[in-house]
Amino acid sequence: MTTIDATIGPLVQQAVVSFNASGDNLVILGKVGSRIKVLQFFLVVAAATTFIYKSGSTALSGPLVFGSNSAHVLDYMQLPLTCNISDSFIINSSAAVQVGGTIWYAVVI
């Protein structure tokens, strides 16, 4: 029997990921009093860079190193990357490279 984690909320939203700057890149804007739960994504990186996924200024991951023309896929799982209350989801990129993809997330109260 399959069970679904009801804490992620009933509505999954989708957003385009597209940036080419180094440093912190806002991917999903936080909402006051809510949490962002990143459920799934795929990202394609045009050149070598290192990512750190963040909740506002708090790291959610360690450094992830990517080579040129790399991809990163987070398959759907019920253990999402969870932001702190009211924080935005950020991808910090060490280099100014083109990053594109799609992200699926839920915003829960």
N, C-alpha and C. Protein backbone atom coordinates (compact mmCIF):
# COMPACT_ATOMS: atom_id res chain seq x y z
N MET A 1 0.83 -1.17 0.00
CA MET A 1 0.00 0.00 0.00
C MET A 1 0.89 1.24 0.00
N THR A 2 0.55 2.20 -0.83
CA THR A 2 1.30 3.44 -0.92
C THR A 2 0.62 4.50 -0.06
N THR A 3 1.40 5.21 0.72
CA THR A 3 0.85 6.31 1.50
C THR A 3 1.46 7.61 1.00
N ILE A 4 0.71 8.67 1.15
CA ILE A 4 1.16 9.98 0.71
C ILE A 4 1.33 10.88 1.92
N ASP A 5 2.43 11.57 1.97
CA ASP A 5 2.71 12.50 3.06
C ASP A 5 1.83 13.73 2.92
N ALA A 6 0.78 13.84 3.72
CA ALA A 6 -0.15 14.95 3.63
C ALA A 6 0.46 16.27 4.09
N THR A 7 1.60 16.25 4.75
CA THR A 7 2.20 17.49 5.23
C THR A 7 2.78 18.34 4.11
N ILE A 8 2.97 17.77 2.91
CA ILE A 8 3.52 18.59 1.82
C ILE A 8 2.46 19.48 1.21
N GLY A 9 1.20 19.27 1.54
CA GLY A 9 0.13 20.11 1.02
C GLY A 9 -0.44 19.55 -0.25
N PRO A 10 -1.66 19.97 -0.57
CA PRO A 10 -2.36 19.39 -1.70
C PRO A 10 -1.96 19.95 -3.06
N LEU A 11 -1.38 21.13 -3.11
CA LEU A 11 -1.12 21.77 -4.39
C LEU A 11 0.36 21.84 -4.71
N VAL A 12 0.74 21.21 -5.78
CA VAL A 12 2.11 21.28 -6.25
C VAL A 12 2.18 22.35 -7.33
N GLN A 13 3.17 23.21 -7.23
CA GLN A 13 3.36 24.29 -8.19
C GLN A 13 4.63 24.02 -9.00
N GLN A 14 4.70 24.62 -10.17
CA GLN A 14 5.83 24.43 -11.07
C GLN A 14 6.39 25.80 -11.42
N ALA A 15 7.71 25.87 -11.53
CA ALA A 15 8.36 27.13 -11.91
C ALA A 15 9.53 26.86 -12.83
N VAL A 16 9.79 27.81 -13.69
CA VAL A 16 10.94 27.77 -14.59
C VAL A 16 12.18 28.18 -13.81
N VAL A 17 13.28 27.50 -14.04
CA VAL A 17 14.57 27.89 -13.48
C VAL A 17 15.42 28.39 -14.64
N SER A 18 15.85 29.64 -14.55
CA SER A 18 16.69 30.22 -15.60
C SER A 18 17.49 31.38 -15.00
N PHE A 19 18.79 31.18 -14.90
CA PHE A 19 19.66 32.26 -14.45
C PHE A 19 21.05 32.05 -15.03
N ASN A 20 21.87 33.11 -15.00
CA ASN A 20 23.24 33.02 -15.51
C ASN A 20 24.20 33.86 -14.68
N ALA A 21 23.85 34.06 -13.41
CA ALA A 21 24.69 34.88 -12.53
C ALA A 21 25.35 34.01 -11.47
N SER A 22 26.50 34.46 -11.00
CA SER A 22 27.12 33.78 -9.87
C SER A 22 26.50 34.34 -8.58
N GLY A 23 26.73 33.63 -7.48
CA GLY A 23 26.18 34.06 -6.21
C GLY A 23 24.78 33.51 -6.01
N ASP A 24 24.03 34.16 -5.11
CA ASP A 24 22.68 33.70 -4.78
C ASP A 24 21.70 34.05 -5.89
N ASN A 25 20.96 33.04 -6.35
CA ASN A 25 19.93 33.21 -7.38
C ASN A 25 18.59 32.79 -6.81
N LEU A 26 17.66 33.74 -6.74
CA LEU A 26 16.32 33.48 -6.21
C LEU A 26 15.57 32.58 -7.17
N VAL A 27 15.14 31.42 -6.70
CA VAL A 27 14.41 30.47 -7.54
C VAL A 27 12.92 30.49 -7.19
N ILE A 28 12.59 30.47 -5.89
CA ILE A 28 11.20 30.54 -5.44
C ILE A 28 11.13 31.57 -4.32
N LEU A 29 10.30 32.57 -4.49
CA LEU A 29 10.14 33.63 -3.50
C LEU A 29 9.35 33.11 -2.30
N GLY A 30 9.90 33.30 -1.11
CA GLY A 30 9.23 32.88 0.12
C GLY A 30 8.00 33.72 0.39
N LYS A 31 7.06 33.15 1.14
CA LYS A 31 5.85 33.85 1.55
C LYS A 31 5.82 33.90 3.07
N VAL A 32 5.47 35.04 3.63
CA VAL A 32 5.46 35.22 5.07
C VAL A 32 4.58 34.17 5.73
N GLY A 33 5.14 33.48 6.72
CA GLY A 33 4.41 32.49 7.49
C GLY A 33 4.28 31.12 6.84
N SER A 34 4.89 30.92 5.66
CA SER A 34 4.79 29.65 4.95
C SER A 34 6.17 29.04 4.72
N ARG A 35 6.17 27.75 4.41
CA ARG A 35 7.41 27.04 4.07
C ARG A 35 7.34 26.57 2.62
N ILE A 36 8.46 26.63 1.95
CA ILE A 36 8.60 26.06 0.61
C ILE A 36 9.17 24.65 0.79
N LYS A 37 8.54 23.69 0.13
CA LYS A 37 9.05 22.32 0.11
C LYS A 37 9.34 21.95 -1.34
N VAL A 38 10.63 21.83 -1.68
CA VAL A 38 11.05 21.49 -3.03
C VAL A 38 10.92 19.98 -3.19
N LEU A 39 10.03 19.58 -4.10
CA LEU A 39 9.69 18.18 -4.26
C LEU A 39 10.47 17.49 -5.36
N GLN A 40 10.76 18.22 -6.43
CA GLN A 40 11.39 17.60 -7.60
C GLN A 40 11.94 18.72 -8.48
N PHE A 41 13.04 18.44 -9.17
CA PHE A 41 13.53 19.39 -10.17
C PHE A 41 14.46 18.69 -11.14
N PHE A 42 14.66 19.34 -12.27
CA PHE A 42 15.77 18.98 -13.15
C PHE A 42 16.44 20.27 -13.57
N LEU A 43 17.76 20.26 -13.57
CA LEU A 43 18.56 21.43 -13.91
C LEU A 43 19.64 21.03 -14.90
N VAL A 44 19.92 21.89 -15.85
CA VAL A 44 20.99 21.69 -16.81
C VAL A 44 21.95 22.88 -16.67
N VAL A 45 23.24 22.56 -16.56
CA VAL A 45 24.27 23.56 -16.32
C VAL A 45 25.18 23.62 -17.55
N ALA A 46 25.35 24.82 -18.12
CA ALA A 46 26.09 24.96 -19.37
C ALA A 46 27.60 24.85 -19.20
N ALA A 47 28.13 25.21 -18.05
CA ALA A 47 29.58 25.19 -17.83
C ALA A 47 29.85 24.81 -16.37
N ALA A 48 31.09 24.59 -16.06
CA ALA A 48 31.47 24.15 -14.71
C ALA A 48 31.07 25.17 -13.65
N THR A 49 30.50 24.67 -12.56
CA THR A 49 30.13 25.51 -11.42
C THR A 49 29.92 24.62 -10.21
N THR A 50 29.75 25.24 -9.07
CA THR A 50 29.41 24.55 -7.83
C THR A 50 28.15 25.17 -7.26
N PHE A 51 27.16 24.35 -6.92
CA PHE A 51 25.90 24.81 -6.34
C PHE A 51 25.88 24.55 -4.84
N ILE A 52 25.18 25.43 -4.14
CA ILE A 52 24.72 25.18 -2.77
C ILE A 52 23.25 25.58 -2.76
N TYR A 53 22.38 24.65 -2.35
CA TYR A 53 20.96 24.95 -2.23
C TYR A 53 20.73 25.57 -0.87
N LYS A 54 19.91 26.65 -0.83
CA LYS A 54 19.77 27.41 0.41
C LYS A 54 18.32 27.76 0.71
N SER A 55 18.03 27.87 2.00
CA SER A 55 16.79 28.44 2.52
C SER A 55 17.18 29.82 3.02
N GLY A 56 16.86 30.86 2.24
CA GLY A 56 17.37 32.19 2.59
C GLY A 56 18.88 32.15 2.63
N SER A 57 19.47 32.43 3.79
CA SER A 57 20.93 32.40 3.91
C SER A 57 21.45 31.09 4.53
N THR A 58 20.55 30.16 4.85
CA THR A 58 20.93 28.89 5.48
C THR A 58 21.14 27.80 4.44
N ALA A 59 22.29 27.16 4.46
CA ALA A 59 22.58 26.09 3.49
C ALA A 59 21.68 24.88 3.75
N LEU A 60 21.09 24.34 2.68
CA LEU A 60 20.34 23.09 2.73
C LEU A 60 21.16 21.93 2.19
N SER A 61 22.28 22.24 1.54
CA SER A 61 23.16 21.21 0.99
C SER A 61 24.59 21.67 1.15
N GLY A 62 25.48 20.72 1.01
CA GLY A 62 26.88 21.07 0.90
C GLY A 62 27.17 21.46 -0.54
N PRO A 63 28.40 21.77 -0.89
CA PRO A 63 28.75 22.13 -2.25
C PRO A 63 28.59 20.94 -3.20
N LEU A 64 27.94 21.19 -4.32
CA LEU A 64 27.72 20.18 -5.37
C LEU A 64 28.45 20.64 -6.62
N VAL A 65 29.44 19.89 -7.06
CA VAL A 65 30.29 20.28 -8.18
C VAL A 65 29.74 19.72 -9.48
N PHE A 66 29.62 20.58 -10.48
CA PHE A 66 29.12 20.18 -11.81
C PHE A 66 30.14 20.56 -12.87
N GLY A 67 30.32 19.67 -13.84
CA GLY A 67 31.15 19.95 -14.99
C GLY A 67 30.34 20.63 -16.08
N SER A 68 30.98 20.95 -17.17
CA SER A 68 30.31 21.56 -18.31
C SER A 68 29.24 20.62 -18.87
N ASN A 69 28.10 21.19 -19.23
CA ASN A 69 26.96 20.44 -19.80
C ASN A 69 26.50 19.31 -18.89
N SER A 70 26.38 19.61 -17.61
CA SER A 70 25.92 18.65 -16.61
C SER A 70 24.43 18.82 -16.34
N ALA A 71 23.86 17.83 -15.70
CA ALA A 71 22.47 17.91 -15.29
C ALA A 71 22.35 17.41 -13.85
N HIS A 72 21.35 17.94 -13.15
CA HIS A 72 21.05 17.47 -11.79
C HIS A 72 19.56 17.24 -11.71
N VAL A 73 19.18 16.03 -11.29
CA VAL A 73 17.77 15.67 -11.18
C VAL A 73 17.48 15.27 -9.75
N LEU A 74 16.44 15.87 -9.18
CA LEU A 74 15.90 15.44 -7.90
C LEU A 74 14.57 14.80 -8.22
N ASP A 75 14.52 13.48 -8.19
CA ASP A 75 13.27 12.77 -8.42
C ASP A 75 12.33 13.03 -7.27
N TYR A 76 11.03 12.94 -7.55
CA TYR A 76 10.04 13.17 -6.50
C TYR A 76 10.27 12.20 -5.34
N MET A 77 10.27 12.76 -4.16
CA MET A 77 10.37 11.94 -2.96
C MET A 77 9.62 12.64 -1.85
N GLN A 78 9.28 11.91 -0.83
CA GLN A 78 8.53 12.51 0.25
C GLN A 78 9.43 13.06 1.36
N LEU A 79 10.68 13.30 1.02
CA LEU A 79 11.62 13.96 1.92
C LEU A 79 12.14 15.20 1.19
N PRO A 80 11.30 16.21 1.02
CA PRO A 80 11.68 17.36 0.21
C PRO A 80 12.75 18.23 0.87
N LEU A 81 13.39 19.06 0.04
CA LEU A 81 14.24 20.13 0.58
C LEU A 81 13.27 21.15 1.18
N THR A 82 13.35 21.39 2.48
CA THR A 82 12.37 22.23 3.16
C THR A 82 13.01 23.52 3.64
N CYS A 83 12.45 24.64 3.20
CA CYS A 83 12.95 25.95 3.62
C CYS A 83 12.39 26.32 4.99
N ASN A 84 13.11 27.19 5.67
CA ASN A 84 12.62 27.74 6.93
C ASN A 84 11.41 28.62 6.67
N ILE A 85 10.61 28.84 7.69
CA ILE A 85 9.41 29.66 7.55
C ILE A 85 9.77 31.03 6.97
N SER A 86 9.05 31.43 5.94
CA SER A 86 9.15 32.73 5.25
C SER A 86 10.38 32.87 4.36
N ASP A 87 11.28 31.88 4.32
CA ASP A 87 12.49 31.97 3.49
C ASP A 87 12.21 31.66 2.03
N SER A 88 13.02 32.22 1.16
CA SER A 88 13.01 31.89 -0.27
C SER A 88 13.93 30.71 -0.53
N PHE A 89 13.69 30.00 -1.63
CA PHE A 89 14.59 28.94 -2.06
C PHE A 89 15.61 29.55 -3.01
N ILE A 90 16.87 29.37 -2.69
CA ILE A 90 17.99 30.00 -3.40
C ILE A 90 18.91 28.92 -3.95
N ILE A 91 19.45 29.14 -5.13
CA ILE A 91 20.56 28.33 -5.62
C ILE A 91 21.76 29.26 -5.73
N ASN A 92 22.80 28.95 -4.96
CA ASN A 92 24.04 29.71 -5.04
C ASN A 92 24.94 29.02 -6.06
N SER A 93 25.37 29.75 -7.05
CA SER A 93 26.25 29.22 -8.09
C SER A 93 27.61 29.91 -7.98
N SER A 94 28.68 29.13 -8.00
CA SER A 94 30.02 29.71 -7.85
C SER A 94 30.48 30.45 -9.10
N ALA A 95 29.84 30.18 -10.23
CA ALA A 95 30.27 30.79 -11.49
C ALA A 95 29.06 31.37 -12.23
N ALA A 96 29.31 32.35 -13.06
CA ALA A 96 28.27 32.96 -13.88
C ALA A 96 28.06 32.09 -15.13
N VAL A 97 27.24 31.05 -14.99
CA VAL A 97 26.97 30.13 -16.09
C VAL A 97 25.46 30.02 -16.29
N GLN A 98 25.05 29.66 -17.50
CA GLN A 98 23.62 29.49 -17.77
C GLN A 98 23.12 28.22 -17.10
N VAL A 99 22.03 28.37 -16.34
CA VAL A 99 21.36 27.26 -15.68
C VAL A 99 19.90 27.32 -16.08
N GLY A 100 19.37 26.19 -16.50
CA GLY A 100 17.95 26.15 -16.87
C GLY A 100 17.32 24.87 -16.39
N GLY A 101 16.00 24.89 -16.28
CA GLY A 101 15.28 23.70 -15.87
C GLY A 101 13.91 24.00 -15.36
N THR A 102 13.37 23.07 -14.60
CA THR A 102 12.04 23.19 -14.02
C THR A 102 12.09 22.67 -12.60
N ILE A 103 11.28 23.28 -11.74
CA ILE A 103 11.20 22.87 -10.34
C ILE A 103 9.74 22.70 -9.96
N TRP A 104 9.46 21.68 -9.16
CA TRP A 104 8.12 21.45 -8.63
C TRP A 104 8.20 21.56 -7.13
N TYR A 105 7.26 22.30 -6.52
CA TYR A 105 7.33 22.59 -5.10
C TYR A 105 5.92 22.80 -4.52
N ALA A 106 5.85 22.78 -3.22
CA ALA A 106 4.61 23.08 -2.51
C ALA A 106 4.90 24.19 -1.50
N VAL A 107 3.92 25.03 -1.26
CA VAL A 107 4.02 26.05 -0.21
C VAL A 107 3.01 25.66 0.85
N VAL A 108 3.49 25.44 2.07
CA VAL A 108 2.62 24.98 3.16
C VAL A 108 2.66 25.98 4.32
N ILE A 109 1.58 26.02 5.04
CA ILE A 109 1.46 26.93 6.19
C ILE A 109 1.82 26.18 7.45
